[in-house]
N, C-alpha and C. Protein backbone atom coordinates (compact mmCIF):
# COMPACT_ATOMS: atom_id res chain seq x y z
N MET A 1 136.47 133.54 181.26
CA MET A 1 136.84 134.95 181.29
C MET A 1 136.21 135.94 180.37
N SER A 2 135.76 137.06 180.78
CA SER A 2 135.00 138.02 180.00
C SER A 2 135.99 138.88 179.25
N SER A 3 135.56 139.09 177.96
CA SER A 3 136.33 139.93 177.08
C SER A 3 135.51 140.53 176.19
N ARG A 4 136.00 141.93 175.87
CA ARG A 4 135.17 142.66 174.93
C ARG A 4 136.16 143.63 174.30
N GLU A 5 135.79 144.02 173.09
CA GLU A 5 136.52 144.94 172.27
C GLU A 5 135.68 146.15 171.89
N GLY A 6 136.41 147.20 171.50
CA GLY A 6 135.50 148.42 170.77
C GLY A 6 136.51 149.39 170.26
N LYS A 7 135.83 150.43 169.87
CA LYS A 7 136.61 151.62 169.30
C LYS A 7 136.13 152.91 170.08
N ILE A 8 137.15 153.76 170.41
CA ILE A 8 136.95 155.07 171.02
C ILE A 8 137.13 156.01 170.04
N ARG A 9 136.22 156.86 169.66
CA ARG A 9 136.33 157.91 168.78
C ARG A 9 137.01 159.17 169.33
N THR A 10 137.97 159.67 168.79
CA THR A 10 138.63 160.82 169.27
C THR A 10 138.78 161.90 168.07
N ALA A 11 139.21 163.09 168.36
CA ALA A 11 139.24 164.05 167.43
C ALA A 11 140.33 163.68 166.34
N ASN A 12 141.25 162.84 166.69
CA ASN A 12 142.30 162.42 165.82
C ASN A 12 142.23 161.07 165.23
N GLY A 13 141.21 160.31 165.31
CA GLY A 13 140.97 159.07 164.98
C GLY A 13 140.42 158.23 165.82
N SER A 14 140.08 156.97 165.36
CA SER A 14 139.80 155.84 166.14
C SER A 14 140.64 155.00 166.92
N LEU A 15 140.62 154.77 168.23
CA LEU A 15 141.53 153.97 168.92
C LEU A 15 140.78 152.70 169.35
N TRP A 16 141.50 151.68 169.03
CA TRP A 16 141.10 150.20 169.43
C TRP A 16 141.28 150.12 171.06
N TYR A 17 140.23 149.39 171.72
CA TYR A 17 140.41 149.04 173.12
C TYR A 17 139.99 147.78 173.30
N GLY A 18 140.48 146.95 174.32
CA GLY A 18 139.89 145.63 174.80
C GLY A 18 139.90 145.69 176.22
N VAL A 19 138.98 144.73 176.79
CA VAL A 19 138.98 144.60 178.32
C VAL A 19 138.97 143.11 178.39
N ARG A 20 139.84 142.71 179.51
CA ARG A 20 139.86 141.41 179.76
C ARG A 20 139.44 141.25 181.34
N GLY A 21 138.79 140.21 181.59
CA GLY A 21 138.40 139.96 183.00
C GLY A 21 137.19 141.01 183.30
N GLY A 22 137.07 141.32 184.56
CA GLY A 22 135.97 142.16 185.07
C GLY A 22 135.33 141.65 186.31
N GLY A 23 135.52 140.34 186.52
CA GLY A 23 134.79 139.80 187.63
C GLY A 23 135.59 140.37 188.76
N GLY A 24 134.89 140.29 190.17
CA GLY A 24 135.58 140.79 191.42
C GLY A 24 135.37 142.43 191.28
N ASN A 25 135.93 143.01 192.26
CA ASN A 25 135.68 144.39 192.74
C ASN A 25 136.98 145.18 192.90
N ARG A 26 137.99 144.56 192.43
CA ARG A 26 139.41 145.31 192.68
C ARG A 26 139.49 146.46 191.53
N MET A 27 140.54 147.36 191.90
CA MET A 27 140.70 148.52 191.05
C MET A 27 141.06 148.02 189.57
N PRO A 28 140.40 148.60 188.57
CA PRO A 28 140.79 148.45 187.16
C PRO A 28 142.24 148.82 186.81
N VAL A 29 142.78 148.16 185.83
CA VAL A 29 144.19 148.45 185.63
C VAL A 29 144.08 149.01 183.98
N LEU A 30 144.70 150.08 183.52
CA LEU A 30 144.77 150.47 182.16
C LEU A 30 146.36 150.27 181.73
N VAL A 31 146.54 149.35 180.69
CA VAL A 31 147.82 149.04 180.28
C VAL A 31 148.16 149.98 179.18
N LEU A 32 149.44 150.46 179.20
CA LEU A 32 149.91 151.39 178.29
C LEU A 32 150.92 150.59 177.44
N HIS A 33 151.01 150.45 176.25
CA HIS A 33 151.86 149.57 175.59
C HIS A 33 153.14 150.25 175.17
N GLY A 34 154.12 149.42 174.75
CA GLY A 34 155.40 149.97 174.37
C GLY A 34 155.38 150.41 172.95
N GLY A 35 156.54 150.81 172.52
CA GLY A 35 156.68 151.47 171.12
C GLY A 35 157.34 152.73 171.27
N PRO A 36 156.74 153.81 170.82
CA PRO A 36 155.54 153.90 170.21
C PRO A 36 155.63 152.97 168.81
N GLY A 37 154.50 152.74 168.39
CA GLY A 37 154.54 152.03 167.08
C GLY A 37 154.17 150.50 167.31
N PHE A 38 154.18 150.03 168.45
CA PHE A 38 153.77 148.70 168.84
C PHE A 38 152.28 148.67 169.13
N SER A 39 151.80 147.42 169.58
CA SER A 39 150.50 147.31 169.99
C SER A 39 150.27 146.66 171.21
N SER A 40 149.05 146.74 171.67
CA SER A 40 148.77 146.00 172.87
C SER A 40 149.05 144.51 173.18
N MET A 41 149.47 143.99 174.02
CA MET A 41 149.75 142.54 174.24
C MET A 41 149.15 142.23 175.70
N ASP A 42 148.47 141.17 175.75
CA ASP A 42 147.92 140.67 176.91
C ASP A 42 148.70 139.51 177.67
N ASN A 43 149.70 139.03 176.98
CA ASN A 43 150.28 137.88 177.28
C ASN A 43 150.96 138.05 178.72
N GLY A 44 150.71 137.16 179.61
CA GLY A 44 151.30 137.09 180.94
C GLY A 44 150.56 137.97 181.99
N LEU A 45 149.47 138.53 181.56
CA LEU A 45 148.61 139.48 182.49
C LEU A 45 147.36 138.73 183.02
N GLU A 46 147.17 137.50 182.66
CA GLU A 46 145.98 136.82 182.98
C GLU A 46 145.77 136.72 184.58
N PRO A 47 146.76 136.78 185.44
CA PRO A 47 146.50 136.72 186.86
C PRO A 47 145.80 138.07 187.29
N LEU A 48 146.07 139.18 186.51
CA LEU A 48 145.52 140.50 186.89
C LEU A 48 144.01 140.50 186.65
N TRP A 49 143.45 139.86 185.67
CA TRP A 49 142.07 140.05 185.40
C TRP A 49 141.27 139.02 185.91
N LYS A 50 141.67 138.23 187.00
CA LYS A 50 140.92 137.24 187.49
C LYS A 50 139.96 137.95 188.47
N ASP A 51 140.35 139.03 189.05
CA ASP A 51 139.43 139.75 189.98
C ASP A 51 139.30 141.32 189.72
N ARG A 52 139.63 141.72 188.63
CA ARG A 52 139.50 143.05 188.18
C ARG A 52 139.46 143.07 186.68
N PRO A 53 138.83 144.18 186.08
CA PRO A 53 139.00 144.56 184.74
C PRO A 53 140.40 145.11 184.31
N VAL A 54 140.91 144.57 183.16
CA VAL A 54 142.20 145.07 182.78
C VAL A 54 141.91 145.60 181.38
N PHE A 55 142.08 146.98 181.24
CA PHE A 55 141.93 147.61 179.84
C PHE A 55 143.21 147.80 179.05
N PHE A 56 143.14 147.62 177.70
CA PHE A 56 144.09 147.67 176.77
C PHE A 56 143.67 148.70 175.62
N TYR A 57 144.66 149.41 175.15
CA TYR A 57 144.16 150.25 173.91
C TYR A 57 145.37 150.45 173.17
N ASP A 58 145.24 150.66 171.95
CA ASP A 58 146.31 150.76 170.83
C ASP A 58 146.31 152.20 170.62
N GLN A 59 147.54 152.86 171.01
CA GLN A 59 147.60 154.35 170.67
C GLN A 59 147.44 154.77 169.27
N LEU A 60 147.09 156.00 168.92
CA LEU A 60 147.03 156.44 167.60
C LEU A 60 148.29 156.09 166.73
N GLY A 61 148.15 155.50 165.73
CA GLY A 61 149.35 154.89 164.82
C GLY A 61 149.86 153.57 165.21
N CYS A 62 149.14 152.95 166.09
CA CYS A 62 149.65 151.61 166.59
C CYS A 62 148.51 150.66 166.39
N GLY A 63 148.97 149.30 166.18
CA GLY A 63 148.05 148.10 166.19
C GLY A 63 146.77 148.38 165.52
N LYS A 64 145.72 148.16 166.01
CA LYS A 64 144.39 148.18 165.36
C LYS A 64 143.76 149.63 165.41
N SER A 65 144.50 150.45 165.86
CA SER A 65 143.97 151.97 165.87
C SER A 65 144.32 152.74 164.64
N ASP A 66 143.68 153.83 164.27
CA ASP A 66 143.92 154.58 163.11
C ASP A 66 145.23 155.27 163.17
N ARG A 67 145.56 155.71 161.97
CA ARG A 67 147.01 156.47 161.75
C ARG A 67 146.72 157.97 161.73
N ALA A 68 147.50 158.67 162.28
CA ALA A 68 147.31 160.07 162.21
C ALA A 68 147.64 160.64 160.68
N PRO A 69 146.70 161.42 160.27
CA PRO A 69 146.80 162.03 158.92
C PRO A 69 148.04 162.90 158.73
N ASP A 70 148.68 163.37 159.94
CA ASP A 70 149.91 164.22 159.76
C ASP A 70 150.89 163.45 160.83
N LYS A 71 152.03 163.08 160.28
CA LYS A 71 152.96 162.37 160.94
C LYS A 71 153.58 163.47 162.19
N ASN A 72 153.40 164.81 162.14
CA ASN A 72 153.77 165.74 163.19
C ASN A 72 152.73 165.52 164.47
N PHE A 73 151.78 164.79 164.36
CA PHE A 73 150.92 164.56 165.46
C PHE A 73 151.68 163.71 166.58
N TYR A 74 152.54 162.85 166.14
CA TYR A 74 153.04 161.85 166.99
C TYR A 74 154.09 162.76 167.98
N SER A 75 153.71 163.03 168.98
CA SER A 75 154.39 163.64 170.12
C SER A 75 153.92 163.25 171.51
N VAL A 76 154.88 163.39 172.53
CA VAL A 76 154.49 163.04 173.85
C VAL A 76 153.16 163.82 174.35
N GLU A 77 153.24 164.98 174.00
CA GLU A 77 152.02 165.98 174.46
C GLU A 77 150.73 165.38 173.93
N ASN A 78 150.69 164.97 172.69
CA ASN A 78 149.48 164.42 171.97
C ASN A 78 149.05 163.02 172.70
N TYR A 79 150.10 162.30 172.77
CA TYR A 79 149.84 161.04 173.43
C TYR A 79 149.36 161.16 174.98
N VAL A 80 149.90 162.09 175.76
CA VAL A 80 149.32 162.40 176.95
C VAL A 80 147.74 162.81 176.92
N ALA A 81 147.70 163.90 176.04
CA ALA A 81 146.02 164.17 175.86
C ALA A 81 145.27 162.96 175.47
N GLU A 82 145.75 162.07 174.49
CA GLU A 82 145.04 160.91 174.17
C GLU A 82 144.78 160.12 175.33
N LEU A 83 145.67 159.91 176.21
CA LEU A 83 145.42 159.04 177.44
C LEU A 83 144.34 159.55 178.33
N ALA A 84 144.25 160.91 178.46
CA ALA A 84 143.13 161.45 179.20
C ALA A 84 141.93 161.21 178.57
N GLU A 85 141.79 161.36 177.17
CA GLU A 85 140.60 160.98 176.47
C GLU A 85 140.13 159.65 176.65
N VAL A 86 141.27 158.76 176.71
CA VAL A 86 140.86 157.18 176.87
C VAL A 86 140.19 156.83 178.21
N ARG A 87 140.87 157.46 179.11
CA ARG A 87 140.41 157.36 180.49
C ARG A 87 138.97 157.83 180.55
N ALA A 88 138.63 158.94 179.98
CA ALA A 88 137.27 159.53 180.12
C ALA A 88 136.33 158.85 179.29
N ALA A 89 136.62 158.27 178.15
CA ALA A 89 135.70 157.45 177.42
C ALA A 89 135.41 155.99 178.12
N LEU A 90 136.38 155.66 178.75
CA LEU A 90 136.16 154.34 179.35
C LEU A 90 135.75 154.42 180.80
N LYS A 91 135.58 155.72 181.17
CA LYS A 91 134.93 155.96 182.44
C LYS A 91 135.92 155.30 183.80
N LEU A 92 137.24 155.47 183.40
CA LEU A 92 138.08 154.95 184.43
C LEU A 92 138.51 156.04 185.41
N ASP A 93 137.63 156.37 186.23
CA ASP A 93 137.80 157.51 187.12
C ASP A 93 138.75 157.23 188.18
N ASP A 94 138.80 155.99 188.76
CA ASP A 94 139.83 155.32 189.56
C ASP A 94 140.52 154.23 188.89
N VAL A 95 141.76 154.32 188.73
CA VAL A 95 142.51 153.25 187.99
C VAL A 95 143.90 153.18 188.43
N CYS A 96 144.55 152.11 188.17
CA CYS A 96 145.91 151.94 188.16
C CYS A 96 146.63 151.89 186.83
N LEU A 97 147.61 152.53 186.55
CA LEU A 97 148.25 152.45 185.29
C LEU A 97 149.47 151.49 185.17
N MET A 98 149.52 150.72 184.21
CA MET A 98 150.57 149.89 184.03
C MET A 98 151.23 150.01 182.71
N GLY A 99 152.53 150.54 182.66
CA GLY A 99 153.37 150.99 181.50
C GLY A 99 154.25 149.84 181.08
N PHE A 100 154.44 149.66 179.94
CA PHE A 100 155.56 148.82 179.46
C PHE A 100 156.49 149.63 178.45
N SER A 101 157.78 149.65 178.80
CA SER A 101 158.66 150.38 178.04
C SER A 101 158.26 151.90 177.79
N TRP A 102 158.08 152.15 176.51
CA TRP A 102 157.63 153.64 176.23
C TRP A 102 156.25 153.96 176.92
N GLY A 103 155.53 152.79 177.19
CA GLY A 103 154.34 153.09 178.08
C GLY A 103 154.60 153.63 179.36
N CYS A 104 155.64 153.30 180.09
CA CYS A 104 156.19 153.85 181.35
C CYS A 104 156.35 155.29 181.20
N ALA A 105 157.23 155.85 180.14
CA ALA A 105 157.37 157.18 179.83
C ALA A 105 156.01 157.93 179.70
N LEU A 106 155.10 157.26 179.03
CA LEU A 106 153.85 157.95 178.70
C LEU A 106 153.04 158.19 180.15
N ALA A 107 153.06 157.05 180.86
CA ALA A 107 152.42 157.29 182.20
C ALA A 107 153.26 158.27 183.13
N CYS A 108 154.47 158.39 183.17
CA CYS A 108 155.07 159.33 183.92
C CYS A 108 154.77 160.73 183.52
N SER A 109 154.81 160.94 181.92
CA SER A 109 154.60 162.26 181.42
C SER A 109 153.06 162.62 181.84
N TYR A 110 152.20 161.61 181.69
CA TYR A 110 150.89 161.96 181.98
C TYR A 110 150.64 162.48 183.43
N LEU A 111 151.27 161.70 184.44
CA LEU A 111 151.31 162.01 185.88
C LEU A 111 151.83 163.46 186.05
N LEU A 112 152.97 163.79 185.56
CA LEU A 112 153.63 164.85 185.89
C LEU A 112 152.96 166.11 185.28
N ASP A 113 152.56 165.93 183.86
CA ASP A 113 151.91 167.02 183.17
C ASP A 113 150.44 167.37 183.43
N ARG A 114 149.66 166.21 183.74
CA ARG A 114 148.19 166.59 184.01
C ARG A 114 147.84 166.51 185.47
N LYS A 115 148.68 165.88 186.36
CA LYS A 115 148.31 165.69 187.76
C LYS A 115 146.93 165.18 187.90
N PRO A 116 146.72 164.08 187.26
CA PRO A 116 145.19 163.69 187.24
C PRO A 116 144.67 163.10 188.56
N PHE A 117 143.52 163.34 188.86
CA PHE A 117 142.74 162.74 189.97
C PHE A 117 142.61 161.26 189.58
N GLY A 118 142.39 160.40 190.54
CA GLY A 118 141.94 159.03 190.45
C GLY A 118 142.92 157.92 190.02
N VAL A 119 144.08 158.41 189.76
CA VAL A 119 145.30 157.41 189.47
C VAL A 119 145.78 156.90 191.02
N LYS A 120 145.40 155.65 191.19
CA LYS A 120 145.64 155.07 192.41
C LYS A 120 146.98 154.28 192.56
N GLY A 121 147.56 153.99 191.56
CA GLY A 121 148.82 153.37 191.48
C GLY A 121 149.26 153.27 190.00
N VAL A 122 150.77 153.01 189.99
CA VAL A 122 151.47 153.09 188.75
C VAL A 122 152.44 151.76 188.69
N MET A 123 152.31 151.03 187.72
CA MET A 123 153.34 149.82 187.61
C MET A 123 154.14 150.13 186.57
N LEU A 124 155.41 150.23 186.63
CA LEU A 124 156.34 150.60 185.52
C LEU A 124 157.23 149.16 185.23
N CYS A 125 156.93 148.61 184.01
CA CYS A 125 157.56 147.34 183.62
C CYS A 125 158.53 147.59 182.51
N ALA A 126 159.90 147.41 182.76
CA ALA A 126 160.80 147.55 181.75
C ALA A 126 160.83 149.06 181.33
N PRO A 127 160.91 149.93 182.25
CA PRO A 127 160.72 151.36 181.83
C PRO A 127 161.73 151.90 180.96
N TYR A 128 161.12 152.59 179.95
CA TYR A 128 161.96 153.48 179.18
C TYR A 128 161.80 154.90 179.59
N LEU A 129 162.89 155.21 180.31
CA LEU A 129 163.07 156.56 180.80
C LEU A 129 164.15 157.27 180.36
N SER A 130 165.19 156.69 179.66
CA SER A 130 166.35 157.31 179.11
C SER A 130 166.65 156.83 177.76
N SER A 131 166.63 157.65 176.64
CA SER A 131 166.90 157.25 175.54
C SER A 131 168.26 156.79 175.38
N PRO A 132 169.29 157.28 175.74
CA PRO A 132 170.78 156.69 175.57
C PRO A 132 170.78 155.44 176.23
N ALA A 133 170.36 155.26 177.42
CA ALA A 133 170.42 153.98 178.14
C ALA A 133 169.60 152.91 177.48
N TRP A 134 168.47 153.20 177.18
CA TRP A 134 167.53 152.15 176.38
C TRP A 134 168.23 151.78 175.09
N ASP A 135 168.72 152.70 174.40
CA ASP A 135 169.25 152.26 172.97
C ASP A 135 170.61 151.51 173.23
N ALA A 136 171.35 151.79 174.09
CA ALA A 136 172.47 150.97 174.54
C ALA A 136 172.17 149.54 174.82
N ASP A 137 171.07 149.35 175.76
CA ASP A 137 170.82 148.04 176.15
C ASP A 137 170.10 147.18 174.95
N GLN A 138 169.42 147.80 174.18
CA GLN A 138 168.63 147.28 172.87
C GLN A 138 169.82 146.72 171.85
N ARG A 139 170.77 147.65 171.65
CA ARG A 139 171.76 147.24 170.83
C ARG A 139 172.70 145.94 171.29
N ARG A 140 172.89 145.99 172.70
CA ARG A 140 173.55 144.69 173.28
C ARG A 140 172.77 143.48 173.01
N ASN A 141 171.52 143.69 173.44
CA ASN A 141 170.49 142.50 173.39
C ASN A 141 170.31 142.04 171.95
N ILE A 142 170.15 142.85 170.85
CA ILE A 142 170.02 142.61 169.58
C ILE A 142 171.25 142.03 169.07
N ALA A 143 172.34 142.38 169.44
CA ALA A 143 173.70 141.68 168.95
C ALA A 143 173.77 140.24 169.35
N LEU A 144 173.10 139.90 170.30
CA LEU A 144 173.06 138.47 170.85
C LEU A 144 172.07 137.52 170.01
N LEU A 145 171.31 138.15 169.16
CA LEU A 145 170.27 137.42 168.38
C LEU A 145 170.92 136.59 167.20
N PRO A 146 170.28 135.42 166.74
CA PRO A 146 170.79 134.76 165.66
C PRO A 146 170.64 135.85 164.32
N LYS A 147 171.59 135.48 163.55
CA LYS A 147 171.84 136.55 162.37
C LYS A 147 170.51 136.92 161.59
N ASP A 148 169.58 135.95 161.31
CA ASP A 148 168.41 136.26 160.40
C ASP A 148 167.46 137.00 161.28
N ILE A 149 167.35 136.82 162.60
CA ILE A 149 166.55 137.75 163.42
C ILE A 149 167.21 139.24 163.50
N ARG A 150 168.37 139.23 163.89
CA ARG A 150 169.18 140.50 163.90
C ARG A 150 169.02 141.22 162.50
N GLY A 151 169.19 140.52 161.55
CA GLY A 151 169.17 141.08 160.16
C GLY A 151 167.86 141.77 159.95
N ALA A 152 166.79 140.93 160.22
CA ALA A 152 165.46 141.60 160.03
C ALA A 152 165.13 142.84 160.89
N ILE A 153 165.60 142.94 162.03
CA ILE A 153 165.52 144.22 162.92
C ILE A 153 166.26 145.20 162.43
N GLU A 154 167.51 144.97 161.96
CA GLU A 154 168.39 145.97 161.34
C GLU A 154 167.90 146.56 160.20
N LYS A 155 167.40 145.71 159.15
CA LYS A 155 166.80 146.13 157.95
C LYS A 155 165.59 146.95 158.07
N GLY A 156 164.78 146.56 159.10
CA GLY A 156 163.48 147.31 159.30
C GLY A 156 163.88 148.84 159.77
N GLU A 157 164.81 148.85 160.66
CA GLU A 157 165.23 150.04 161.29
C GLU A 157 165.85 150.95 160.20
N LYS A 158 166.66 150.39 159.27
CA LYS A 158 167.35 151.08 158.21
C LYS A 158 166.41 151.60 157.19
N THR A 159 165.40 150.76 156.70
CA THR A 159 164.53 151.15 155.59
C THR A 159 163.23 151.70 156.14
N GLY A 160 162.91 151.59 157.37
CA GLY A 160 161.65 152.14 157.86
C GLY A 160 160.51 151.21 157.46
N ASP A 161 160.82 149.89 156.97
CA ASP A 161 159.78 148.87 156.70
C ASP A 161 159.55 147.99 158.08
N PHE A 162 158.49 148.47 158.67
CA PHE A 162 158.27 147.72 159.90
C PHE A 162 157.12 146.62 159.73
N GLY A 163 157.08 146.03 158.75
CA GLY A 163 156.02 145.12 158.26
C GLY A 163 156.31 143.63 158.96
N GLU A 164 155.82 142.73 158.39
CA GLU A 164 155.75 141.44 158.95
C GLU A 164 156.98 140.88 159.28
N ALA A 165 158.06 141.05 158.54
CA ALA A 165 159.42 140.47 158.91
C ALA A 165 159.89 141.01 159.99
N TYR A 166 159.79 142.41 160.18
CA TYR A 166 160.36 143.16 161.42
C TYR A 166 159.50 142.61 162.50
N GLU A 167 158.24 142.70 162.47
CA GLU A 167 157.40 142.33 163.43
C GLU A 167 157.61 141.00 163.95
N SER A 168 157.95 139.95 163.27
CA SER A 168 158.18 138.62 163.53
C SER A 168 159.45 138.57 164.37
N ALA A 169 160.44 139.43 163.85
CA ALA A 169 161.79 139.31 164.58
C ALA A 169 161.75 139.95 165.84
N MET A 170 160.81 141.26 166.03
CA MET A 170 160.70 141.68 167.20
C MET A 170 159.90 140.87 168.21
N MET A 171 159.08 140.04 167.74
CA MET A 171 158.40 139.11 168.73
C MET A 171 159.45 138.06 169.16
N ALA A 172 160.20 137.64 168.31
CA ALA A 172 161.32 136.67 168.56
C ALA A 172 162.27 137.28 169.77
N TYR A 173 162.47 138.52 169.59
CA TYR A 173 163.36 139.24 170.38
C TYR A 173 162.70 139.39 171.81
N TYR A 174 161.47 139.84 171.75
CA TYR A 174 160.82 139.91 173.20
C TYR A 174 160.69 138.54 173.79
N ASP A 175 160.46 137.57 173.00
CA ASP A 175 160.26 136.08 173.63
C ASP A 175 161.61 135.78 174.38
N ARG A 176 162.67 136.11 173.80
CA ARG A 176 163.99 135.93 174.50
C ARG A 176 164.18 136.79 175.85
N LEU A 177 163.40 137.91 175.80
CA LEU A 177 163.73 138.78 177.10
C LEU A 177 162.84 138.38 178.01
N ARG A 178 161.73 137.71 177.74
CA ARG A 178 160.68 137.28 178.80
C ARG A 178 161.19 136.28 179.69
N PRO A 179 160.99 136.30 180.98
CA PRO A 179 161.63 135.41 181.80
C PRO A 179 160.72 133.98 181.59
N PRO A 180 161.47 132.85 181.95
CA PRO A 180 160.73 131.58 181.81
C PRO A 180 159.53 131.48 182.81
N ASP A 181 158.57 130.87 182.39
CA ASP A 181 157.28 130.51 183.16
C ASP A 181 157.59 129.41 183.97
N ASN A 182 157.73 129.60 185.18
CA ASN A 182 157.90 128.71 186.21
C ASN A 182 156.71 128.02 186.89
N THR A 183 155.51 128.15 186.28
CA THR A 183 154.41 127.70 186.84
C THR A 183 154.39 126.22 186.67
N PRO A 184 153.93 125.36 187.76
CA PRO A 184 153.95 124.02 187.95
C PRO A 184 152.81 123.44 186.85
């Protein structure tokens, strides 16, 4: 498997990106991660990069990318503009977008606001399109977690400390939501 990483310099800071695969001649995919505040994950996407490049990037303020100097930067409009910069920097003239959770809302906003050329397809995975519906679903799912995991999530949300304990609890949460691997 071919794999590379790099940084994209933008007016607002440096963004991390990674590319998996690249063999074959099928349409590239650009993955938009959830969050905001989360980072790119390539787990489960291995079949996609067998015959095409799959690009990942951490949005500003997320993962391995820089943080904005001003917290007022974090808005849908700025993330839409950032997505346009990422596509240009990676020379993704023709591309399929694949969004996860918040990444779905970002993809939809980008398509509706910018009406960009070259987006040949969109995959919405666990779409975040309604804040009230999303919050109700998350509260129900978190309530089903063991007390220690649930407590770490609730503490992080209450205190704003999204460090290692919170991230570990969220990964345990996401692992429980992931369908079982039925590969023989």
